[in-house]
């Protein structure tokens, strides 16, 4: 199918607002219908409004370029997304998780389908004062001890997930066969090895390091759930920016 997605509405009212004059509007456009396998849905993309044109431009251009891998740097956000989504994107939505202390943190989730379907989420944090993308080392001091703690937490959770998977294999009523077990375990090991302390999200009372292991659609229900959350109170001696 070559039918392009059609932009039909840009909301001018904030759908996600946490005060301080910064709001997040929603760019809406219709999704594609791929070989009658997926219903047409409305795709949603964030537009940050700080009240300052220059700051808004910096943030929204950067979100668009990062999310589309700099593929449409010379196009405005609406046209860039229409071309990027084309006939392959069946889901697109976002969530604002933090919006105060001159910082906004949000994530954008998408699913694209071709021969196979792939789902992913990208995370973004910006200074609403300067319009710049904020990296983790601008939020918290990553000491060697803290890095070891995060890696330890991640590894412990993977050990638990693998044990639960083995228990499923040993349970004749679970429906998990040896071949699928090996396939899932291989994906677990790859995800565990590929983890880096870089992507993060801010929330009202905690920081979360992002580790998502997206398994193929056929085994997606067995995706590991790894949660690396750290309360601001616990991190107060490491925080560079005030968050609470």
C-alpha atoms as a PDB file:
ATOM      1  CA  UNK A   1       0.000   0.000   0.000  1.00  0.00           C
ATOM      2  CA  UNK A   2       1.276   3.460  -0.835  1.00  0.00           C
ATOM      3  CA  UNK A   3      -1.471   5.512   0.717  1.00  0.00           C
ATOM      4  CA  UNK A   4       0.016   8.269   2.838  1.00  0.00           C
ATOM      5  CA  UNK A   5      -1.101   9.068   6.334  1.00  0.00           C
ATOM      6  CA  UNK A   6      -3.232  12.177   6.516  1.00  0.00           C
ATOM      7  CA  UNK A   7      -2.757  14.830   9.161  1.00  0.00           C
ATOM      8  CA  UNK A   8      -6.109  16.020  10.404  1.00  0.00           C
ATOM      9  CA  UNK A   9      -5.763  17.843  13.691  1.00  0.00           C
ATOM     10  CA  UNK A  10      -3.331  19.671  15.909  1.00  0.00           C
ATOM     11  CA  UNK A  11      -4.832  20.208  19.321  1.00  0.00           C
ATOM     12  CA  UNK A  12      -4.359  23.647  20.778  1.00  0.00           C
ATOM     13  CA  UNK A  13      -5.426  22.599  24.254  1.00  0.00           C
ATOM     14  CA  UNK A  14      -2.992  20.832  26.532  1.00  0.00           C
ATOM     15  CA  UNK A  15      -3.785  17.183  27.091  1.00  0.00           C
ATOM     16  CA  UNK A  16      -0.908  16.689  29.506  1.00  0.00           C
ATOM     17  CA  UNK A  17      -0.071  19.546  31.836  1.00  0.00           C
ATOM     18  CA  UNK A  18       1.699  19.678  35.181  1.00  0.00           C
ATOM     19  CA  UNK A  19       1.745  23.433  35.641  1.00  0.00           C
ATOM     20  CA  UNK A  20       4.559  25.969  35.447  1.00  0.00           C
ATOM     21  CA  UNK A  21       3.318  27.212  32.085  1.00  0.00           C
ATOM     22  CA  UNK A  22       4.666  24.242  30.075  1.00  0.00           C
ATOM     23  CA  UNK A  23       2.075  22.184  28.238  1.00  0.00           C
ATOM     24  CA  UNK A  24       2.195  19.251  25.872  1.00  0.00           C
ATOM     25  CA  UNK A  25      -0.115  19.430  22.870  1.00  0.00           C
ATOM     26  CA  UNK A  26      -0.922  16.418  20.712  1.00  0.00           C
ATOM     27  CA  UNK A  27      -0.331  16.126  16.994  1.00  0.00           C
ATOM     28  CA  UNK A  28      -2.898  13.664  15.650  1.00  0.00           C
ATOM     29  CA  UNK A  29      -2.916  11.871  12.317  1.00  0.00           C
ATOM     30  CA  UNK A  30      -4.563   8.731  10.998  1.00  0.00           C
ATOM     31  CA  UNK A  31      -2.658   5.467  10.904  1.00  0.00           C
ATOM     32  CA  UNK A  32      -2.411   2.996   8.086  1.00  0.00           C
ATOM     33  CA  UNK A  33      -4.316  -0.219   7.449  1.00  0.00           C
ATOM     34  CA  UNK A  34      -1.929  -2.987   6.500  1.00  0.00           C
ATOM     35  CA  UNK A  35      -3.438  -5.806   4.453  1.00  0.00           C
ATOM     36  CA  UNK A  36      -6.600  -5.675   6.573  1.00  0.00           C
ATOM     37  CA  UNK A  37      -4.645  -7.096   9.525  1.00  0.00           C
ATOM     38  CA  UNK A  38      -4.792  -3.973  11.674  1.00  0.00           C
ATOM     39  CA  UNK A  39      -7.641  -1.480  12.149  1.00  0.00           C
ATOM     40  CA  UNK A  40      -6.954   2.142  11.230  1.00  0.00           C
ATOM     41  CA  UNK A  41      -5.939   3.977  14.400  1.00  0.00           C
ATOM     42  CA  UNK A  42      -5.104   7.542  15.353  1.00  0.00           C
ATOM     43  CA  UNK A  43      -1.391   8.161  15.822  1.00  0.00           C
ATOM     44  CA  UNK A  44      -0.320  10.675  18.477  1.00  0.00           C
ATOM     45  CA  UNK A  45       2.894  12.688  18.757  1.00  0.00           C
ATOM     46  CA  UNK A  46       3.856  15.286  21.395  1.00  0.00           C
ATOM     47  CA  UNK A  47       4.359  18.991  20.749  1.00  0.00           C
ATOM     48  CA  UNK A  48       5.985  20.858  23.655  1.00  0.00           C
ATOM     49  CA  UNK A  49       4.786  24.418  24.328  1.00  0.00           C
ATOM     50  CA  UNK A  50       6.861  26.435  26.808  1.00  0.00           C
ATOM     51  CA  UNK A  51       5.534  29.833  25.775  1.00  0.00           C
ATOM     52  CA  UNK A  52       8.840  30.780  24.133  1.00  0.00           C
ATOM     53  CA  UNK A  53       9.018  30.220  20.372  1.00  0.00           C
ATOM     54  CA  UNK A  54      12.780  29.669  20.248  1.00  0.00           C
ATOM     55  CA  UNK A  55      12.720  27.100  23.063  1.00  0.00           C
ATOM     56  CA  UNK A  56       9.711  25.325  21.558  1.00  0.00           C
ATOM     57  CA  UNK A  57      11.476  25.084  18.195  1.00  0.00           C
ATOM     58  CA  UNK A  58      14.643  23.642  19.725  1.00  0.00           C
ATOM     59  CA  UNK A  59      12.782  20.997  21.713  1.00  0.00           C
ATOM     60  CA  UNK A  60      10.269  19.932  19.075  1.00  0.00           C
ATOM     61  CA  UNK A  61      12.804  19.811  16.262  1.00  0.00           C
ATOM     62  CA  UNK A  62      15.120  17.706  18.389  1.00  0.00           C
ATOM     63  CA  UNK A  63      12.363  15.276  19.390  1.00  0.00           C
ATOM     64  CA  UNK A  64      11.323  14.895  15.755  1.00  0.00           C
ATOM     65  CA  UNK A  65      14.886  14.366  14.543  1.00  0.00           C
ATOM     66  CA  UNK A  66      15.888  11.948  17.281  1.00  0.00           C
ATOM     67  CA  UNK A  67      12.710   9.903  16.936  1.00  0.00           C
ATOM     68  CA  UNK A  68      12.984   9.647  13.135  1.00  0.00           C
ATOM     69  CA  UNK A  69      16.772   9.077  13.227  1.00  0.00           C
ATOM     70  CA  UNK A  70      17.446  12.430  11.500  1.00  0.00           C
ATOM     71  CA  UNK A  71      15.777  11.161   8.340  1.00  0.00           C
ATOM     72  CA  UNK A  72      13.684  14.287   7.736  1.00  0.00           C
ATOM     73  CA  UNK A  73      15.684  17.111   9.272  1.00  0.00           C
ATOM     74  CA  UNK A  74      14.545  19.685   6.704  1.00  0.00           C
ATOM     75  CA  UNK A  75      10.824  18.983   7.050  1.00  0.00           C
ATOM     76  CA  UNK A  76       8.418  20.371   9.663  1.00  0.00           C
ATOM     77  CA  UNK A  77       7.241  17.887  12.261  1.00  0.00           C
ATOM     78  CA  UNK A  78       3.828  17.151  10.726  1.00  0.00           C
ATOM     79  CA  UNK A  79       5.154  16.415   7.224  1.00  0.00           C
ATOM     80  CA  UNK A  80       8.161  14.539   8.588  1.00  0.00           C
ATOM     81  CA  UNK A  81       5.952  12.199  10.601  1.00  0.00           C
ATOM     82  CA  UNK A  82       3.611  11.544   7.683  1.00  0.00           C
ATOM     83  CA  UNK A  83       6.573  10.512   5.526  1.00  0.00           C
ATOM     84  CA  UNK A  84       8.248   8.573   8.340  1.00  0.00           C
ATOM     85  CA  UNK A  85       5.108   6.628   9.246  1.00  0.00           C
ATOM     86  CA  UNK A  86       4.119   5.959   5.624  1.00  0.00           C
ATOM     87  CA  UNK A  87       2.163   2.677   5.549  1.00  0.00           C
ATOM     88  CA  UNK A  88       4.127   0.797   8.189  1.00  0.00           C
ATOM     89  CA  UNK A  89       3.263   2.397  11.558  1.00  0.00           C
ATOM     90  CA  UNK A  90       0.234   0.885  13.267  1.00  0.00           C
ATOM     91  CA  UNK A  91       0.670   2.465  16.714  1.00  0.00           C
ATOM     92  CA  UNK A  92       2.118   5.754  17.997  1.00  0.00           C
ATOM     93  CA  UNK A  93       1.446   7.391  21.361  1.00  0.00           C
ATOM     94  CA  UNK A  94       3.275   9.229  24.136  1.00  0.00           C
ATOM     95  CA  UNK A  95       3.316   9.809  27.884  1.00  0.00           C
ATOM     96  CA  UNK A  96       4.550  12.791  29.887  1.00  0.00           C
ATOM     97  CA  UNK A  97       6.072  11.580  33.162  1.00  0.00           C
ATOM     98  CA  UNK A  98       7.651  14.753  34.609  1.00  0.00           C
ATOM     99  CA  UNK A  99       7.097  18.454  34.039  1.00  0.00           C
ATOM    100  CA  UNK A 100       8.535  20.798  36.640  1.00  0.00           C
ATOM    101  CA  UNK A 101      11.788  22.353  37.878  1.00  0.00           C
ATOM    102  CA  UNK A 102      12.467  23.535  34.289  1.00  0.00           C
ATOM    103  CA  UNK A 103      12.554  19.930  33.036  1.00  0.00           C
ATOM    104  CA  UNK A 104      10.136  17.891  30.948  1.00  0.00           C
ATOM    105  CA  UNK A 105      10.486  14.127  30.580  1.00  0.00           C
ATOM    106  CA  UNK A 106       8.380  12.091  28.159  1.00  0.00           C
ATOM    107  CA  UNK A 107       8.374   8.877  26.181  1.00  0.00           C
ATOM    108  CA  UNK A 108       7.033   7.956  22.747  1.00  0.00           C
ATOM    109  CA  UNK A 109       5.972   4.396  21.892  1.00  0.00           C
ATOM    110  CA  UNK A 110       5.505   3.020  18.382  1.00  0.00           C
ATOM    111  CA  UNK A 111       4.880  -0.210  16.534  1.00  0.00           C
ATOM    112  CA  UNK A 112       5.882  -0.731  12.928  1.00  0.00           C
ATOM    113  CA  UNK A 113       4.965  -3.695  10.751  1.00  0.00           C
ATOM    114  CA  UNK A 114       6.551  -5.057   7.609  1.00  0.00           C
ATOM    115  CA  UNK A 115       7.459  -8.723   7.290  1.00  0.00           C
ATOM    116  CA  UNK A 116       7.364  -8.691  11.097  1.00  0.00           C
ATOM    117  CA  UNK A 117       6.097  -6.209  13.672  1.00  0.00           C
ATOM    118  CA  UNK A 118       8.428  -4.374  16.034  1.00  0.00           C
ATOM    119  CA  UNK A 119       7.480  -2.292  19.063  1.00  0.00           C
ATOM    120  CA  UNK A 120       9.757   0.225  20.760  1.00  0.00           C
ATOM    121  CA  UNK A 121       9.742   3.199  23.135  1.00  0.00           C
ATOM    122  CA  UNK A 122      12.048   6.208  23.043  1.00  0.00           C
ATOM    123  CA  UNK A 123      12.686   8.441  26.061  1.00  0.00           C
ATOM    124  CA  UNK A 124      13.408  12.171  26.096  1.00  0.00           C
ATOM    125  CA  UNK A 125      14.233  14.736  28.775  1.00  0.00           C
ATOM    126  CA  UNK A 126      14.656  18.436  28.010  1.00  0.00           C
ATOM    127  CA  UNK A 127      15.452  21.658  29.786  1.00  0.00           C
ATOM    128  CA  UNK A 128      12.457  23.957  29.312  1.00  0.00           C
ATOM    129  CA  UNK A 129      14.777  26.875  30.118  1.00  0.00           C
ATOM    130  CA  UNK A 130      17.385  26.282  27.399  1.00  0.00           C
ATOM    131  CA  UNK A 131      15.586  23.854  25.060  1.00  0.00           C
ATOM    132  CA  UNK A 132      18.479  21.390  25.186  1.00  0.00           C
ATOM    133  CA  UNK A 133      18.344  17.601  25.468  1.00  0.00           C
ATOM    134  CA  UNK A 134      19.363  16.485  28.963  1.00  0.00           C
ATOM    135  CA  UNK A 135      21.629  13.451  29.411  1.00  0.00           C
ATOM    136  CA  UNK A 136      21.695  11.279  32.528  1.00  0.00           C
ATOM    137  CA  UNK A 137      25.046  12.672  33.702  1.00  0.00           C
ATOM    138  CA  UNK A 138      23.406  16.113  33.884  1.00  0.00           C
ATOM    139  CA  UNK A 139      20.821  14.723  36.321  1.00  0.00           C
ATOM    140  CA  UNK A 140      22.786  12.446  38.606  1.00  0.00           C
ATOM    141  CA  UNK A 141      26.448  11.732  39.300  1.00  0.00           C
ATOM    142  CA  UNK A 142      27.177   8.225  38.028  1.00  0.00           C
ATOM    143  CA  UNK A 143      29.730   7.070  40.560  1.00  0.00           C
ATOM    144  CA  UNK A 144      31.324   3.640  40.169  1.00  0.00           C
ATOM    145  CA  UNK A 145      29.434   2.459  43.245  1.00  0.00           C
ATOM    146  CA  UNK A 146      26.097   3.605  41.853  1.00  0.00           C
ATOM    147  CA  UNK A 147      26.796   1.968  38.488  1.00  0.00           C
ATOM    148  CA  UNK A 148      27.594  -1.315  40.261  1.00  0.00           C
ATOM    149  CA  UNK A 149      24.327  -1.079  42.197  1.00  0.00           C
ATOM    150  CA  UNK A 150      22.305  -0.602  39.014  1.00  0.00           C
ATOM    151  CA  UNK A 151      24.042  -3.498  37.231  1.00  0.00           C
ATOM    152  CA  UNK A 152      23.538  -5.710  40.274  1.00  0.00           C
ATOM    153  CA  UNK A 153      19.815  -4.861  40.404  1.00  0.00           C
ATOM    154  CA  UNK A 154      19.466  -5.627  36.698  1.00  0.00           C
ATOM    155  CA  UNK A 155      21.302  -8.949  36.916  1.00  0.00           C
ATOM    156  CA  UNK A 156      19.292 -10.064  39.943  1.00  0.00           C
ATOM    157  CA  UNK A 157      16.030  -9.402  38.125  1.00  0.00           C
ATOM    158  CA  UNK A 158      17.218 -11.344  35.075  1.00  0.00           C
ATOM    159  CA  UNK A 159      18.112 -14.292  37.310  1.00  0.00           C
ATOM    160  CA  UNK A 160      14.565 -14.198  38.696  1.00  0.00           C
ATOM    161  CA  UNK A 161      13.036 -13.976  35.206  1.00  0.00           C
ATOM    162  CA  UNK A 162      15.110 -16.932  33.986  1.00  0.00           C
ATOM    163  CA  UNK A 163      14.084 -19.006  37.003  1.00  0.00           C
ATOM    164  CA  UNK A 164      10.414 -18.268  36.314  1.00  0.00           C
ATOM    165  CA  UNK A 165      10.952 -19.245  32.679  1.00  0.00           C
ATOM    166  CA  UNK A 166      12.563 -22.536  33.718  1.00  0.00           C
ATOM    167  CA  UNK A 167       9.640 -23.208  36.056  1.00  0.00           C
ATOM    168  CA  UNK A 168       7.311 -22.746  33.093  1.00  0.00           C
ATOM    169  CA  UNK A 169       9.327 -25.221  31.043  1.00  0.00           C
ATOM    170  CA  UNK A 170       9.095 -27.776  33.855  1.00  0.00           C
ATOM    171  CA  UNK A 171       5.341 -27.274  34.096  1.00  0.00           C
ATOM    172  CA  UNK A 172       3.699 -29.545  31.523  1.00  0.00           C
ATOM    173  CA  UNK A 173       0.563 -27.377  31.588  1.00  0.00           C
ATOM    174  CA  UNK A 174       2.331 -24.118  30.712  1.00  0.00           C
ATOM    175  CA  UNK A 175       2.520 -24.808  26.980  1.00  0.00           C
ATOM    176  CA  UNK A 176       6.195 -23.762  26.838  1.00  0.00           C
ATOM    177  CA  UNK A 177       8.317 -26.206  24.833  1.00  0.00           C
ATOM    178  CA  UNK A 178      12.095 -26.628  24.884  1.00  0.00           C
ATOM    179  CA  UNK A 179      12.645 -24.896  21.544  1.00  0.00           C
ATOM    180  CA  UNK A 180      10.691 -21.818  22.564  1.00  0.00           C
ATOM    181  CA  UNK A 181      12.406 -21.810  25.957  1.00  0.00           C
ATOM    182  CA  UNK A 182      15.831 -21.724  24.279  1.00  0.00           C
ATOM    183  CA  UNK A 183      14.687 -18.962  21.914  1.00  0.00           C
ATOM    184  CA  UNK A 184      13.415 -16.814  24.777  1.00  0.00           C
ATOM    185  CA  UNK A 185      16.506 -17.458  26.892  1.00  0.00           C
ATOM    186  CA  UNK A 186      18.765 -16.431  24.016  1.00  0.00           C
ATOM    187  CA  UNK A 187      16.874 -13.140  23.737  1.00  0.00           C
ATOM    188  CA  UNK A 188      17.182 -12.604  27.502  1.00  0.00           C
ATOM    189  CA  UNK A 189      20.938 -13.034  27.364  1.00  0.00           C
ATOM    190  CA  UNK A 190      21.273 -10.638  24.435  1.00  0.00           C
ATOM    191  CA  UNK A 191      19.193  -7.963  26.178  1.00  0.00           C
ATOM    192  CA  UNK A 192      21.072  -8.411  29.446  1.00  0.00           C
ATOM    193  CA  UNK A 193      24.425  -8.006  27.707  1.00  0.00           C
ATOM    194  CA  UNK A 194      23.336  -4.968  25.669  1.00  0.00           C
ATOM    195  CA  UNK A 195      22.143  -2.923  28.668  1.00  0.00           C
ATOM    196  CA  UNK A 196      23.803   0.448  29.218  1.00  0.00           C
ATOM    197  CA  UNK A 197      23.191   3.091  31.868  1.00  0.00           C
ATOM    198  CA  UNK A 198      22.111   5.867  29.548  1.00  0.00           C
ATOM    199  CA  UNK A 199      18.408   5.980  28.716  1.00  0.00           C
ATOM    200  CA  UNK A 200      16.228   7.180  31.593  1.00  0.00           C
ATOM    201  CA  UNK A 201      12.938   8.784  32.536  1.00  0.00           C
ATOM    202  CA  UNK A 202      12.030  11.182  35.319  1.00  0.00           C
ATOM    203  CA  UNK A 203       8.886  10.713  37.405  1.00  0.00           C
ATOM    204  CA  UNK A 204       7.296  12.645  40.232  1.00  0.00           C
ATOM    205  CA  UNK A 205       9.269  10.903  42.978  1.00  0.00           C
ATOM    206  CA  UNK A 206      11.849   8.734  41.238  1.00  0.00           C
ATOM    207  CA  UNK A 207      14.276   8.263  38.371  1.00  0.00           C
ATOM    208  CA  UNK A 208      14.060   5.134  36.254  1.00  0.00           C
ATOM    209  CA  UNK A 209      16.789   3.693  34.068  1.00  0.00           C
ATOM    210  CA  UNK A 210      15.208   2.211  30.968  1.00  0.00           C
ATOM    211  CA  UNK A 211      15.840  -1.375  30.055  1.00  0.00           C
ATOM    212  CA  UNK A 212      13.313  -2.806  27.646  1.00  0.00           C
ATOM    213  CA  UNK A 213      13.775  -6.216  26.075  1.00  0.00           C
ATOM    214  CA  UNK A 214      11.375  -6.363  23.138  1.00  0.00           C
ATOM    215  CA  UNK A 215      10.965  -9.967  22.063  1.00  0.00           C
ATOM    216  CA  UNK A 216       9.542 -10.978  18.652  1.00  0.00           C
ATOM    217  CA  UNK A 217       5.748 -10.881  18.432  1.00  0.00           C
ATOM    218  CA  UNK A 218       5.479 -14.697  18.645  1.00  0.00           C
ATOM    219  CA  UNK A 219       7.058 -14.715  22.127  1.00  0.00           C
ATOM    220  CA  UNK A 220       6.295 -11.150  23.216  1.00  0.00           C
ATOM    221  CA  UNK A 221       4.176 -12.380  26.126  1.00  0.00           C
ATOM    222  CA  UNK A 222       7.378 -13.769  27.677  1.00  0.00           C
ATOM    223  CA  UNK A 223       9.261 -10.449  27.578  1.00  0.00           C
ATOM    224  CA  UNK A 224      11.198  -9.887  30.816  1.00  0.00           C
ATOM    225  CA  UNK A 225      10.095  -7.053  33.070  1.00  0.00           C
ATOM    226  CA  UNK A 226      13.179  -5.280  34.423  1.00  0.00           C
ATOM    227  CA  UNK A 227      12.454  -2.283  36.658  1.00  0.00           C
ATOM    228  CA  UNK A 228      15.315  -0.027  37.733  1.00  0.00           C
ATOM    229  CA  UNK A 229      13.675   2.680  39.839  1.00  0.00           C
ATOM    230  CA  UNK A 230      15.517   4.901  42.327  1.00  0.00           C
ATOM    231  CA  UNK A 231      13.715   7.361  44.600  1.00  0.00           C
ATOM    232  CA  UNK A 232      15.049  10.914  44.673  1.00  0.00           C
ATOM    233  CA  UNK A 233      15.423  10.730  48.464  1.00  0.00           C
ATOM    234  CA  UNK A 234      17.818   7.817  48.018  1.00  0.00           C
ATOM    235  CA  UNK A 235      19.760   9.724  45.347  1.00  0.00           C
ATOM    236  CA  UNK A 236      19.866  13.125  47.042  1.00  0.00           C
ATOM    237  CA  UNK A 237      23.654  12.922  47.565  1.00  0.00           C
ATOM    238  CA  UNK A 238      24.099  12.246  43.812  1.00  0.00           C
ATOM    239  CA  UNK A 239      21.539  14.603  42.274  1.00  0.00           C
ATOM    240  CA  UNK A 240      22.942  17.431  40.158  1.00  0.00           C
ATOM    241  CA  UNK A 241      19.590  19.102  39.432  1.00  0.00           C
ATOM    242  CA  UNK A 242      16.782  19.630  41.953  1.00  0.00           C
ATOM    243  CA  UNK A 243      13.976  17.206  41.147  1.00  0.00           C
ATOM    244  CA  UNK A 244      11.698  17.326  44.181  1.00  0.00           C
END
